[in-house]
C-alpha atoms as a PDB file:
ATOM      1  CA  MET A   1     101.928  71.069  34.972  1.00  0.00           C
ATOM      2  CA  PHE A   2     104.277  70.713  37.941  1.00  0.00           C
ATOM      3  CA  VAL A   3     103.943  67.925  40.522  1.00  0.00           C
ATOM      4  CA  GLY A   4     101.740  65.886  38.190  1.00  0.00           C
ATOM      5  CA  HIS A   5     104.881  65.160  36.173  1.00  0.00           C
ATOM      6  CA  TYR A   6     106.164  63.098  39.079  1.00  0.00           C
ATOM      7  CA  GLY A   7     103.209  60.745  38.742  1.00  0.00           C
ATOM      8  CA  VAL A   8     104.723  59.653  35.429  1.00  0.00           C
ATOM      9  CA  SER A   9     108.084  58.980  37.095  1.00  0.00           C
ATOM     10  CA  LEU A  10     106.441  56.894  39.829  1.00  0.00           C
ATOM     11  CA  ALA A  11     104.383  54.931  37.300  1.00  0.00           C
ATOM     12  CA  ALA A  12     107.494  54.340  35.183  1.00  0.00           C
ATOM     13  CA  LYS A  13     109.363  53.106  38.258  1.00  0.00           C
ATOM     14  CA  ALA A  14     106.498  50.711  39.020  1.00  0.00           C
ATOM     15  CA  THR A  15     106.786  49.335  35.478  1.00  0.00           C
ATOM     16  CA  LYS A  16     110.585  49.359  35.075  1.00  0.00           C
ATOM     17  CA  ASN A  17     112.069  48.903  38.543  1.00  0.00           C
ATOM     18  CA  SER A  18     115.687  48.841  37.365  1.00  0.00           C
ATOM     19  CA  ILE A  19     115.654  52.589  36.683  1.00  0.00           C
ATOM     20  CA  PRO A  20     116.604  54.610  39.789  1.00  0.00           C
ATOM     21  CA  LEU A  21     113.679  56.723  40.945  1.00  0.00           C
ATOM     22  CA  TRP A  22     115.777  59.864  41.258  1.00  0.00           C
ATOM     23  CA  ILE A  23     116.752  59.569  37.582  1.00  0.00           C
ATOM     24  CA  LEU A  24     113.089  59.380  36.621  1.00  0.00           C
ATOM     25  CA  PHE A  25     112.378  62.403  38.844  1.00  0.00           C
ATOM     26  CA  VAL A  26     115.001  64.360  36.927  1.00  0.00           C
ATOM     27  CA  ALA A  27     113.847  62.951  33.575  1.00  0.00           C
ATOM     28  CA  VAL A  28     110.238  64.113  33.863  1.00  0.00           C
ATOM     29  CA  GLN A  29     111.461  67.634  34.705  1.00  0.00           C
ATOM     30  CA  LEU A  30     114.487  67.693  32.404  1.00  0.00           C
ATOM     31  CA  LEU A  31     112.889  70.165  29.996  1.00  0.00           C
ATOM     32  CA  ASP A  32     112.233  72.570  32.873  1.00  0.00           C
ATOM     33  CA  VAL A  33     115.706  72.018  34.338  1.00  0.00           C
ATOM     34  CA  CYS A  34     117.239  72.951  30.990  1.00  0.00           C
ATOM     35  CA  TRP A  35     114.751  75.830  30.662  1.00  0.00           C
ATOM     36  CA  SER A  36     115.875  77.199  34.033  1.00  0.00           C
ATOM     37  CA  PHE A  37     119.536  77.182  33.019  1.00  0.00           C
ATOM     38  CA  LEU A  38     118.755  78.770  29.644  1.00  0.00           C
ATOM     39  CA  VAL A  39     116.704  81.502  31.330  1.00  0.00           C
ATOM     40  CA  LEU A  40     119.603  82.227  33.679  1.00  0.00           C
ATOM     41  CA  LEU A  41     121.886  82.436  30.636  1.00  0.00           C
ATOM     42  CA  GLY A  42     119.444  84.767  28.851  1.00  0.00           C
ATOM     43  CA  ILE A  43     118.893  82.336  25.963  1.00  0.00           C
ATOM     44  CA  GLU A  44     115.233  81.532  26.636  1.00  0.00           C
ATOM     45  CA  LYS A  45     112.903  84.272  27.809  1.00  0.00           C
ATOM     46  CA  VAL A  46     110.056  84.625  30.296  1.00  0.00           C
ATOM     47  CA  ARG A  47     108.155  87.587  31.749  1.00  0.00           C
ATOM     48  CA  ILE A  48     106.302  87.761  35.049  1.00  0.00           C
ATOM     49  CA  VAL A  49     102.769  88.858  34.116  1.00  0.00           C
ATOM     50  CA  PRO A  50     100.327  88.332  37.006  1.00  0.00           C
ATOM     51  CA  GLY A  51      96.926  87.334  35.651  1.00  0.00           C
ATOM     52  CA  ILE A  52      98.152  86.004  32.309  1.00  0.00           C
ATOM     53  CA  THR A  53      96.512  82.756  33.436  1.00  0.00           C
ATOM     54  CA  ALA A  54      94.381  82.116  36.493  1.00  0.00           C
ATOM     55  CA  THR A  55      97.089  80.052  38.192  1.00  0.00           C
ATOM     56  CA  ASN A  56     100.465  80.803  36.591  1.00  0.00           C
ATOM     57  CA  PRO A  57     101.979  84.282  36.137  1.00  0.00           C
ATOM     58  CA  LEU A  58     104.704  83.253  33.699  1.00  0.00           C
ATOM     59  CA  ASP A  59     104.583  84.594  30.157  1.00  0.00           C
ATOM     60  CA  LEU A  60     106.695  81.908  28.499  1.00  0.00           C
ATOM     61  CA  TYR A  61     107.087  83.750  25.242  1.00  0.00           C
ATOM     62  CA  TYR A  62     110.409  82.325  24.028  1.00  0.00           C
ATOM     63  CA  MET A  63     111.456  78.756  24.866  1.00  0.00           C
ATOM     64  CA  PRO A  64     111.931  76.913  21.557  1.00  0.00           C
ATOM     65  CA  TYR A  65     114.971  74.935  22.694  1.00  0.00           C
ATOM     66  CA  THR A  66     113.343  73.214  25.654  1.00  0.00           C
ATOM     67  CA  HIS A  67     109.570  73.370  25.186  1.00  0.00           C
ATOM     68  CA  GLY A  68     109.305  73.368  21.427  1.00  0.00           C
ATOM     69  CA  LEU A  69     108.103  70.047  20.055  1.00  0.00           C
ATOM     70  CA  MET A  70     111.300  69.446  18.100  1.00  0.00           C
ATOM     71  CA  GLY A  71     113.469  70.475  21.040  1.00  0.00           C
ATOM     72  CA  ALA A  72     111.550  68.208  23.417  1.00  0.00           C
ATOM     73  CA  LEU A  73     111.994  65.260  21.060  1.00  0.00           C
ATOM     74  CA  LEU A  74     115.731  65.889  20.815  1.00  0.00           C
ATOM     75  CA  TRP A  75     116.150  66.169  24.599  1.00  0.00           C
ATOM     76  CA  SER A  76     114.184  62.926  24.985  1.00  0.00           C
ATOM     77  CA  ILE A  77     116.374  61.062  22.508  1.00  0.00           C
ATOM     78  CA  ALA A  78     119.539  62.471  24.092  1.00  0.00           C
ATOM     79  CA  ALA A  79     118.405  61.434  27.577  1.00  0.00           C
ATOM     80  CA  GLY A  80     117.617  57.908  26.425  1.00  0.00           C
ATOM     81  CA  LEU A  81     121.003  57.587  24.705  1.00  0.00           C
ATOM     82  CA  ALA A  82     122.816  58.972  27.755  1.00  0.00           C
ATOM     83  CA  TYR A  83     121.055  56.493  30.019  1.00  0.00           C
ATOM     84  CA  LYS A  84     121.999  53.614  27.703  1.00  0.00           C
ATOM     85  CA  MET A  85     125.601  54.793  27.652  1.00  0.00           C
ATOM     86  CA  PHE A  86     126.012  55.002  31.426  1.00  0.00           C
ATOM     87  CA  ARG A  87     123.786  52.051  32.416  1.00  0.00           C
ATOM     88  CA  LYS A  88     124.388  49.556  29.632  1.00  0.00           C
ATOM     89  CA  ALA A  89     123.150  46.606  31.702  1.00  0.00           C
ATOM     90  CA  ASP A  90     119.621  48.025  31.792  1.00  0.00           C
ATOM     91  CA  GLY A  91     119.332  47.753  28.021  1.00  0.00           C
ATOM     92  CA  TRP A  92     117.387  49.728  25.449  1.00  0.00           C
ATOM     93  CA  SER A  93     114.062  49.084  27.152  1.00  0.00           C
ATOM     94  CA  ALA A  94     115.002  51.093  30.231  1.00  0.00           C
ATOM     95  CA  ALA A  95     116.627  53.773  28.073  1.00  0.00           C
ATOM     96  CA  SER A  96     113.377  54.067  26.129  1.00  0.00           C
ATOM     97  CA  PHE A  97     111.462  54.528  29.379  1.00  0.00           C
ATOM     98  CA  VAL A  98     113.782  57.376  30.359  1.00  0.00           C
ATOM     99  CA  GLY A  99     113.369  59.037  26.968  1.00  0.00           C
ATOM    100  CA  ALA A 100     109.589  58.645  27.165  1.00  0.00           C
ATOM    101  CA  ALA A 101     109.604  60.114  30.676  1.00  0.00           C
ATOM    102  CA  VAL A 102     111.392  63.185  29.349  1.00  0.00           C
ATOM    103  CA  PHE A 103     108.917  63.623  26.488  1.00  0.00           C
ATOM    104  CA  SER A 104     105.928  63.114  28.813  1.00  0.00           C
ATOM    105  CA  HIS A 105     106.717  66.569  30.177  1.00  0.00           C
ATOM    106  CA  TRP A 106     105.811  68.206  26.867  1.00  0.00           C
ATOM    107  CA  VAL A 107     102.603  66.179  26.538  1.00  0.00           C
ATOM    108  CA  LEU A 108     101.366  67.082  30.023  1.00  0.00           C
ATOM    109  CA  ASP A 109     102.408  70.712  29.559  1.00  0.00           C
ATOM    110  CA  TRP A 110     100.293  70.807  26.407  1.00  0.00           C
ATOM    111  CA  LEU A 111      97.254  70.139  28.579  1.00  0.00           C
ATOM    112  CA  VAL A 112      97.779  73.061  30.956  1.00  0.00           C
ATOM    113  CA  HIS A 113      99.842  75.713  29.170  1.00  0.00           C
ATOM    114  CA  ARG A 114      98.307  78.573  27.272  1.00  0.00           C
ATOM    115  CA  PRO A 115      99.384  78.431  23.602  1.00  0.00           C
ATOM    116  CA  ASP A 116     103.088  78.980  24.233  1.00  0.00           C
ATOM    117  CA  LEU A 117     104.544  75.587  23.223  1.00  0.00           C
ATOM    118  CA  PRO A 118     106.020  76.007  19.727  1.00  0.00           C
ATOM    119  CA  LEU A 119     105.760  73.176  17.246  1.00  0.00           C
ATOM    120  CA  TYR A 120     108.607  74.567  15.153  1.00  0.00           C
ATOM    121  CA  ALA A 121     111.245  77.159  16.111  1.00  0.00           C
ATOM    122  CA  ASN A 122     109.195  79.794  17.967  1.00  0.00           C
ATOM    123  CA  SER A 123     106.101  79.424  15.781  1.00  0.00           C
ATOM    124  CA  PHE A 124     102.814  77.517  15.604  1.00  0.00           C
ATOM    125  CA  LYS A 125     102.312  77.579  19.357  1.00  0.00           C
ATOM    126  CA  VAL A 126      99.877  75.217  21.082  1.00  0.00           C
ATOM    127  CA  GLY A 127      98.443  74.594  24.533  1.00  0.00           C
ATOM    128  CA  LEU A 128      94.968  73.781  25.834  1.00  0.00           C
ATOM    129  CA  GLY A 129      95.175  76.384  28.604  1.00  0.00           C
ATOM    130  CA  LEU A 130      93.839  74.417  31.581  1.00  0.00           C
ATOM    131  CA  TRP A 131      95.821  76.730  33.861  1.00  0.00           C
ATOM    132  CA  ASN A 132      92.865  79.081  33.386  1.00  0.00           C
ATOM    133  CA  TYR A 133      90.666  76.594  35.251  1.00  0.00           C
ATOM    134  CA  PRO A 134      92.237  76.318  38.721  1.00  0.00           C
ATOM    135  CA  ALA A 135      90.071  73.518  40.129  1.00  0.00           C
ATOM    136  CA  LEU A 136      90.524  71.374  37.023  1.00  0.00           C
ATOM    137  CA  ALA A 137      94.259  72.066  36.753  1.00  0.00           C
ATOM    138  CA  PHE A 138      94.870  71.314  40.432  1.00  0.00           C
ATOM    139  CA  GLY A 139      92.714  68.201  40.196  1.00  0.00           C
ATOM    140  CA  LEU A 140      94.834  66.919  37.314  1.00  0.00           C
ATOM    141  CA  GLU A 141      97.976  67.409  39.387  1.00  0.00           C
ATOM    142  CA  VAL A 142      96.425  65.353  42.197  1.00  0.00           C
ATOM    143  CA  VAL A 143      95.231  62.576  39.885  1.00  0.00           C
ATOM    144  CA  PHE A 144      98.553  62.203  38.072  1.00  0.00           C
ATOM    145  CA  LEU A 145     100.700  62.436  41.202  1.00  0.00           C
ATOM    146  CA  PHE A 146      98.746  60.069  43.422  1.00  0.00           C
ATOM    147  CA  GLY A 147      97.833  57.750  40.554  1.00  0.00           C
ATOM    148  CA  GLY A 148     101.534  57.187  39.916  1.00  0.00           C
ATOM    149  CA  MET A 149     102.234  56.931  43.631  1.00  0.00           C
ATOM    150  CA  TYR A 150      99.547  54.262  44.020  1.00  0.00           C
ATOM    151  CA  LEU A 151     101.168  52.156  41.294  1.00  0.00           C
ATOM    152  CA  TYR A 152     104.605  52.575  42.866  1.00  0.00           C
ATOM    153  CA  LEU A 153     103.436  51.693  46.378  1.00  0.00           C
ATOM    154  CA  ARG A 154     101.475  48.705  45.081  1.00  0.00           C
ATOM    155  CA  THR A 155     104.505  47.186  43.334  1.00  0.00           C
ATOM    156  CA  THR A 156     107.011  47.843  46.125  1.00  0.00           C
ATOM    157  CA  LYS A 157     107.157  47.243  49.860  1.00  0.00           C
ATOM    158  CA  SER A 158     108.600  49.179  52.771  1.00  0.00           C
ATOM    159  CA  ILE A 159     111.846  47.732  54.133  1.00  0.00           C
ATOM    160  CA  ALA A 160     112.806  50.526  56.526  1.00  0.00           C
ATOM    161  CA  ARG A 161     111.133  53.018  58.806  1.00  0.00           C
ATOM    162  CA  GLY A 162     109.462  55.769  56.809  1.00  0.00           C
ATOM    163  CA  GLY A 163     109.317  53.744  53.624  1.00  0.00           C
ATOM    164  CA  GLY A 164     105.522  53.818  53.534  1.00  0.00           C
ATOM    165  CA  LEU A 165     104.259  56.887  55.326  1.00  0.00           C
ATOM    166  CA  GLY A 166     107.270  58.866  54.153  1.00  0.00           C
ATOM    167  CA  MET A 167     106.236  58.592  50.520  1.00  0.00           C
ATOM    168  CA  VAL A 168     102.686  59.702  51.297  1.00  0.00           C
ATOM    169  CA  ILE A 169     103.967  62.678  53.300  1.00  0.00           C
ATOM    170  CA  PHE A 170     106.273  63.530  50.409  1.00  0.00           C
ATOM    171  CA  GLY A 171     103.282  63.548  48.074  1.00  0.00           C
ATOM    172  CA  LEU A 172     101.371  65.875  50.399  1.00  0.00           C
ATOM    173  CA  VAL A 173     104.364  68.204  50.638  1.00  0.00           C
ATOM    174  CA  MET A 174     104.525  68.304  46.845  1.00  0.00           C
ATOM    175  CA  LEU A 175     100.845  69.264  46.742  1.00  0.00           C
ATOM    176  CA  VAL A 176     101.488  72.091  49.209  1.00  0.00           C
ATOM    177  CA  VAL A 177     104.279  73.354  46.960  1.00  0.00           C
ATOM    178  CA  GLN A 178     101.885  73.105  44.009  1.00  0.00           C
ATOM    179  CA  ALA A 179      99.285  75.154  45.882  1.00  0.00           C
ATOM    180  CA  VAL A 180     101.882  77.856  46.594  1.00  0.00           C
ATOM    181  CA  VAL A 181     102.836  77.925  42.906  1.00  0.00           C
ATOM    182  CA  PHE A 182      99.178  78.262  41.892  1.00  0.00           C
ATOM    183  CA  PHE A 183      97.853  80.582  44.551  1.00  0.00           C
ATOM    184  CA  GLY A 184     100.885  82.208  46.200  1.00  0.00           C
ATOM    185  CA  PRO A 185     102.656  85.445  45.244  1.00  0.00           C
ATOM    186  CA  PRO A 186     104.319  85.580  41.814  1.00  0.00           C
ATOM    187  CA  PRO A 187     108.116  85.311  41.481  1.00  0.00           C
ATOM    188  CA  THR A 188     109.981  88.577  41.825  1.00  0.00           C
ATOM    189  CA  SER A 189     111.831  88.105  38.530  1.00  0.00           C
ATOM    190  CA  ASP A 190     112.507  85.660  35.726  1.00  0.00           C
ATOM    191  CA  LYS A 191     115.855  84.741  37.306  1.00  0.00           C
ATOM    192  CA  SER A 192     114.320  84.071  40.715  1.00  0.00           C
ATOM    193  CA  ALA A 193     111.704  81.821  39.072  1.00  0.00           C
ATOM    194  CA  ALA A 194     114.482  79.826  37.377  1.00  0.00           C
ATOM    195  CA  VAL A 195     116.597  79.495  40.528  1.00  0.00           C
ATOM    196  CA  THR A 196     113.608  78.476  42.652  1.00  0.00           C
ATOM    197  CA  ALA A 197     112.607  75.875  40.089  1.00  0.00           C
ATOM    198  CA  LEU A 198     116.099  74.344  40.062  1.00  0.00           C
ATOM    199  CA  LEU A 199     116.231  74.170  43.855  1.00  0.00           C
ATOM    200  CA  VAL A 200     112.845  72.437  44.013  1.00  0.00           C
ATOM    201  CA  TYR A 201     113.608  69.964  41.206  1.00  0.00           C
ATOM    202  CA  PHE A 202     116.910  68.846  42.706  1.00  0.00           C
ATOM    203  CA  ALA A 203     115.496  68.745  46.244  1.00  0.00           C
ATOM    204  CA  PHE A 204     112.634  66.511  45.097  1.00  0.00           C
ATOM    205  CA  ALA A 205     115.070  64.209  43.256  1.00  0.00           C
ATOM    206  CA  ALA A 206     117.238  63.950  46.386  1.00  0.00           C
ATOM    207  CA  ILE A 207     114.221  63.080  48.545  1.00  0.00           C
ATOM    208  CA  ALA A 208     113.148  60.469  45.989  1.00  0.00           C
ATOM    209  CA  TYR A 209     116.636  58.934  46.170  1.00  0.00           C
ATOM    210  CA  TRP A 210     116.409  58.779  49.976  1.00  0.00           C
ATOM    211  CA  LEU A 211     112.907  57.308  50.032  1.00  0.00           C
ATOM    212  CA  GLU A 212     113.668  54.731  47.356  1.00  0.00           C
ATOM    213  CA  GLY A 213     116.295  53.246  49.646  1.00  0.00           C
ATOM    214  CA  LYS A 214     113.524  52.472  52.116  1.00  0.00           C
ATOM    215  CA  ARG A 215     111.505  50.391  49.659  1.00  0.00           C
ATOM    216  CA  ALA A 216     112.104  47.245  47.613  1.00  0.00           C
ATOM    217  CA  LEU A 217     110.366  45.432  44.800  1.00  0.00           C
ATOM    218  CA  GLN A 218     107.285  43.485  45.913  1.00  0.00           C
ATOM    219  CA  THR A 219     107.981  39.805  45.254  1.00  0.00           C
ATOM    220  CA  THR A 220     104.749  38.232  46.535  1.00  0.00           C
END
């Protein structure tokens, strides 16, 4: 899953408003952010194999440190502890939300990945493989993204120009990016896939930071 992850961040923001939205945007993609860096360092491995699934050409054959179940749990705990350390006033509740947001990535990936998510080390790999069903996979992205966005918009109000329509446009842009990922040309290399992913993740987090400043908690 890709943009559907952001639905979790928007829903979490609607529930726990004290957490900055950009942090939640990074949290739900933290496993992929770390994966990108580890691919660039040659520690985790991926091959470009067009047709390996109907929508995603990545053969993610070695990623135990980021997308293994144990690795995902450890990253989630670390993220929650880091949030508690740097934002003590928010308390353990907010830190738990951040940790859960990180782990939600693995759960949603389990729905769409082919069996390439290892439960232990690089073994016992799982994944329901919904990437092989383009309409269903894309529909899930839409449901998760706009479901979370609905909750966020319902619990906040626009306080500046672009605070309402801007978020909707952002969601549509994310869907366009998702369509390119699904149906566009494959990456030219494993390194280009990692670099592109990092650029998109940080750009989306920056836009979320900008848009959040145009909205405030709904008090009535």
